[in-house]
Protein backbone atom coordinates (compact mmCIF):
# COMPACT_ATOMS: atom_id res chain seq x y z
CA MET A 1 -17.15 -38.75 -91.02
CA SER A 2 -16.48 -39.00 -94.46
CA ARG A 3 -13.13 -40.99 -94.52
CA ALA A 4 -13.27 -44.72 -94.75
CA ARG A 5 -12.45 -46.93 -91.72
CA ILE A 6 -9.05 -48.60 -91.93
CA ALA A 7 -8.24 -52.52 -91.38
CA ILE A 8 -7.47 -53.06 -88.05
CA GLY A 9 -4.07 -54.71 -88.80
CA ALA A 10 -2.76 -51.20 -90.44
CA LEU A 11 -3.72 -49.29 -87.07
CA THR A 12 -1.15 -48.78 -84.40
CA LEU A 13 -1.70 -46.54 -81.10
CA SER A 14 -1.14 -42.62 -82.01
CA ALA A 15 1.37 -40.54 -80.38
CA VAL A 16 -1.60 -38.16 -79.49
CA ALA A 17 -3.40 -41.26 -77.69
CA LEU A 18 -0.50 -42.25 -75.71
CA VAL A 19 0.06 -38.60 -74.29
CA ASN A 20 -3.52 -38.41 -73.53
CA LEU A 21 -3.13 -41.86 -71.69
CA ALA A 22 -0.61 -39.98 -69.51
CA VAL A 23 -2.35 -36.91 -68.92
CA SER A 24 -5.43 -38.94 -67.94
CA GLU A 25 -3.63 -41.39 -65.60
CA ASN A 26 -1.63 -38.67 -63.96
CA TYR A 27 2.08 -39.53 -62.69
CA ALA A 28 2.56 -41.15 -59.56
CA GLU A 29 6.40 -41.86 -58.56
CA VAL A 30 5.40 -43.97 -55.67
CA ALA A 31 3.13 -46.89 -55.78
CA THR A 32 -0.33 -45.91 -54.08
CA VAL A 33 -3.97 -47.18 -54.05
CA PRO A 34 -5.41 -44.58 -56.67
CA VAL A 35 -9.09 -45.29 -55.30
CA LYS A 36 -10.79 -47.32 -52.52
CA GLY A 37 -11.14 -50.95 -53.47
CA ASP A 38 -8.41 -50.77 -56.41
CA VAL A 39 -4.83 -52.11 -56.71
CA PRO A 40 -1.64 -50.51 -56.15
CA THR A 41 -0.32 -48.29 -59.22
CA ASN A 42 2.33 -46.09 -59.91
CA GLY A 43 4.05 -44.34 -63.08
CA PHE A 44 0.79 -43.54 -65.25
CA GLY A 45 -1.58 -46.13 -63.44
CA SER A 46 0.73 -49.36 -64.18
CA THR A 47 -0.42 -52.28 -62.07
CA ARG A 48 2.90 -54.04 -63.22
CA GLN A 49 6.38 -53.71 -63.31
CA LEU A 50 8.22 -54.11 -66.93
CA ASP A 51 9.12 -57.92 -65.63
CA GLY A 52 5.38 -58.47 -65.14
CA THR A 53 5.28 -58.42 -61.26
CA PRO A 54 2.72 -56.65 -59.58
CA VAL A 55 3.43 -53.17 -58.30
CA LYS A 56 3.40 -53.13 -54.53
CA LEU A 57 2.55 -50.09 -52.38
CA GLY A 58 5.71 -48.27 -51.84
CA ASP A 59 7.40 -49.39 -55.22
CA ARG A 60 9.04 -46.18 -57.24
CA THR A 61 9.31 -45.61 -60.79
CA THR A 62 10.76 -42.54 -63.02
CA PRO A 63 8.82 -40.78 -65.77
CA VAL A 64 11.02 -42.61 -68.40
CA GLU A 65 10.32 -45.95 -67.04
CA ALA A 66 6.91 -45.33 -66.41
CA LEU A 67 6.32 -44.28 -70.26
CA GLN A 68 8.00 -47.37 -71.19
CA ARG A 69 5.66 -49.74 -69.10
CA SER A 70 2.75 -47.88 -70.54
CA LEU A 71 3.84 -48.00 -74.18
CA ALA A 72 4.85 -51.90 -73.77
CA TYR A 73 1.35 -52.49 -72.34
CA MET A 74 -0.24 -50.71 -75.13
CA GLN A 75 1.86 -52.69 -77.71
CA THR A 76 0.73 -56.10 -76.26
CA ALA A 77 -2.77 -54.58 -75.99
CA GLU A 78 -2.72 -53.87 -79.80
CA ALA A 79 -1.99 -57.42 -80.55
CA GLY A 80 -4.82 -58.61 -77.95
CA PHE A 81 -7.32 -56.09 -79.55
CA ARG A 82 -6.75 -57.61 -82.90
CA ARG A 83 -7.26 -61.12 -81.81
CA CYS A 84 -10.60 -60.21 -80.63
CA VAL A 85 -11.80 -57.67 -83.20
CA ASP A 86 -11.19 -57.97 -86.88
CA VAL A 87 -13.23 -55.17 -88.15
CA PRO A 88 -12.11 -51.47 -89.72
CA LEU A 89 -12.02 -48.89 -87.50
CA HIS A 90 -11.05 -45.19 -87.47
CA GLN A 91 -7.90 -44.20 -85.75
CA ALA A 92 -9.85 -42.37 -83.17
CA GLU A 93 -11.98 -45.25 -82.26
CA PHE A 94 -8.63 -47.59 -82.20
CA ASP A 95 -7.14 -45.30 -79.67
CA VAL A 96 -10.30 -45.10 -77.57
CA TYR A 97 -10.62 -48.96 -77.27
CA LEU A 98 -7.00 -49.07 -76.20
CA ASP A 99 -7.01 -46.61 -73.78
CA PHE A 100 -10.33 -48.38 -72.39
CA ALA A 101 -8.19 -51.61 -72.32
CA TYR A 102 -5.40 -49.77 -70.32
CA GLN A 103 -7.66 -49.13 -67.52
CA TYR A 104 -9.86 -52.16 -67.77
CA GLY A 105 -7.70 -54.79 -69.00
CA MET A 106 -8.00 -56.82 -72.61
CA PRO A 107 -9.94 -59.65 -71.13
CA THR A 108 -12.47 -57.11 -69.93
CA LEU A 109 -12.64 -55.38 -73.29
CA CYS A 110 -12.82 -58.73 -75.56
CA ALA A 111 -15.46 -59.97 -73.43
CA SER A 112 -17.49 -56.79 -73.25
CA PRO A 113 -20.66 -55.59 -75.14
CA ILE A 114 -18.14 -52.94 -76.99
CA VAL A 115 -16.49 -55.72 -79.03
CA GLU A 116 -19.86 -57.46 -79.45
CA ASN A 117 -21.32 -54.47 -81.18
CA LEU A 118 -18.12 -53.83 -83.01
CA ARG A 119 -18.12 -57.49 -84.49
CA ALA A 120 -21.67 -56.72 -85.47
CA LEU A 121 -20.55 -53.51 -86.93
CA ARG A 122 -22.77 -51.41 -84.83
CA TYR A 123 -20.15 -48.77 -84.33
CA ASP A 124 -22.43 -46.21 -82.53
CA GLN A 125 -23.88 -48.91 -80.15
CA ALA A 126 -19.97 -49.85 -79.30
CA CYS A 127 -19.29 -46.22 -78.40
CA ASP A 128 -22.45 -46.13 -76.17
CA ALA A 129 -21.46 -49.53 -74.66
CA LEU A 130 -18.44 -47.80 -73.03
CA LEU A 131 -20.76 -45.91 -70.70
CA GLN A 132 -21.52 -49.01 -69.01
CA TYR A 133 -18.13 -49.32 -67.44
CA ARG A 134 -19.05 -46.75 -64.35
CA PHE A 135 -18.84 -48.89 -61.30
CA MET A 136 -15.99 -49.77 -58.84
CA THR A 137 -16.27 -53.12 -57.53
CA SER A 138 -14.83 -54.41 -54.26
CA SER A 139 -14.53 -57.92 -52.17
CA THR A 140 -14.40 -55.42 -49.24
CA PRO A 141 -17.45 -53.49 -48.16
CA HIS A 142 -17.36 -49.82 -48.19
CA ASP A 143 -19.63 -47.00 -46.86
CA GLY A 144 -22.26 -46.37 -49.48
CA TRP A 145 -21.51 -49.31 -51.79
CA GLU A 146 -24.28 -51.83 -52.89
CA VAL A 147 -24.09 -55.51 -52.53
CA THR A 148 -23.87 -56.95 -55.83
CA ARG A 149 -23.25 -60.63 -55.01
CA ARG A 150 -24.09 -63.05 -52.01
CA ASP A 151 -22.54 -66.57 -51.17
CA ALA A 152 -24.78 -69.47 -50.71
CA ALA A 153 -25.64 -68.60 -47.18
CA GLY A 154 -26.70 -65.09 -48.31
CA ARG A 155 -23.75 -63.35 -46.98
CA PRO A 156 -22.43 -60.24 -49.07
CA THR A 157 -19.29 -61.17 -50.90
CA ARG A 158 -19.00 -58.35 -53.55
CA TRP A 159 -19.94 -54.58 -53.53
CA ARG A 160 -20.19 -51.83 -56.11
CA PHE A 161 -20.09 -48.32 -56.37
CA ASP A 162 -21.75 -46.18 -59.32
CA CYS A 163 -19.10 -43.36 -60.34
CA ALA A 164 -21.69 -41.46 -62.26
CA THR A 165 -23.06 -40.67 -58.75
CA PRO A 166 -23.17 -36.92 -58.83
CA GLY A 167 -20.72 -35.29 -56.31
CA ASN A 168 -19.15 -38.52 -55.36
CA ARG A 169 -15.43 -38.31 -54.11
CA THR A 170 -15.00 -41.89 -54.42
CA CYS A 171 -14.44 -42.35 -58.45
CA ALA A 172 -15.74 -39.35 -60.17
CA GLY A 173 -12.74 -39.41 -62.52
CA VAL A 174 -13.70 -42.80 -63.93
CA TRP A 175 -17.13 -41.60 -65.13
CA THR A 176 -15.41 -38.28 -66.49
CA ARG A 177 -12.89 -40.70 -68.35
CA GLN A 178 -15.75 -42.90 -69.49
CA GLN A 179 -17.67 -39.67 -70.83
CA ARG A 180 -14.80 -38.12 -72.68
CA ARG A 181 -14.14 -41.89 -74.37
CA HIS A 182 -17.46 -41.82 -75.27
CA GLN A 183 -17.55 -38.04 -76.78
CA GLN A 184 -14.44 -39.06 -78.86
CA CYS A 185 -15.60 -42.15 -80.30
CA MET A 186 -18.94 -40.55 -80.99
CA ALA A 187 -16.91 -38.09 -82.80
CA ALA A 188 -15.32 -40.46 -85.09
CA GLN A 189 -18.72 -41.72 -86.33
């Protein structure tokens, strides 16, 4: 890419990125659990109401309120991202990383190898690190999920499923979304 990266303080989520987020998340008027092992969401994948309380199964929303919640989260996420990363980025990179934060949370992004690579100005490796986030995890066992943690007595306490597993019906969309983010990120390099 021939143009220079921009100081992160001058960037804000693009309208295109907000629309892409809404399309990726799909709209749900009534709160449901989107994939086994996840928490209830409604609107465009929101886990919290505008007042900050958790979304509960059966909670209802409207498209306008759902978009307001998504935008409010993204504006908060922008500030959080600037606190953990202070390197220049392309608009497309900024949008991709905020989309990631919307799905996984800002604490996950800030503690990730994505941010570690960004701080070291290893932009390609930061894009590649997106592909590490392809697992669903749960404290409840599910058929086909592998044990990832055990207690002191050796009993399983945490399980995960690899969403990159071909043909899976558990979370194939998670892997598809990560691949799309990776492609968008690499296209900005």
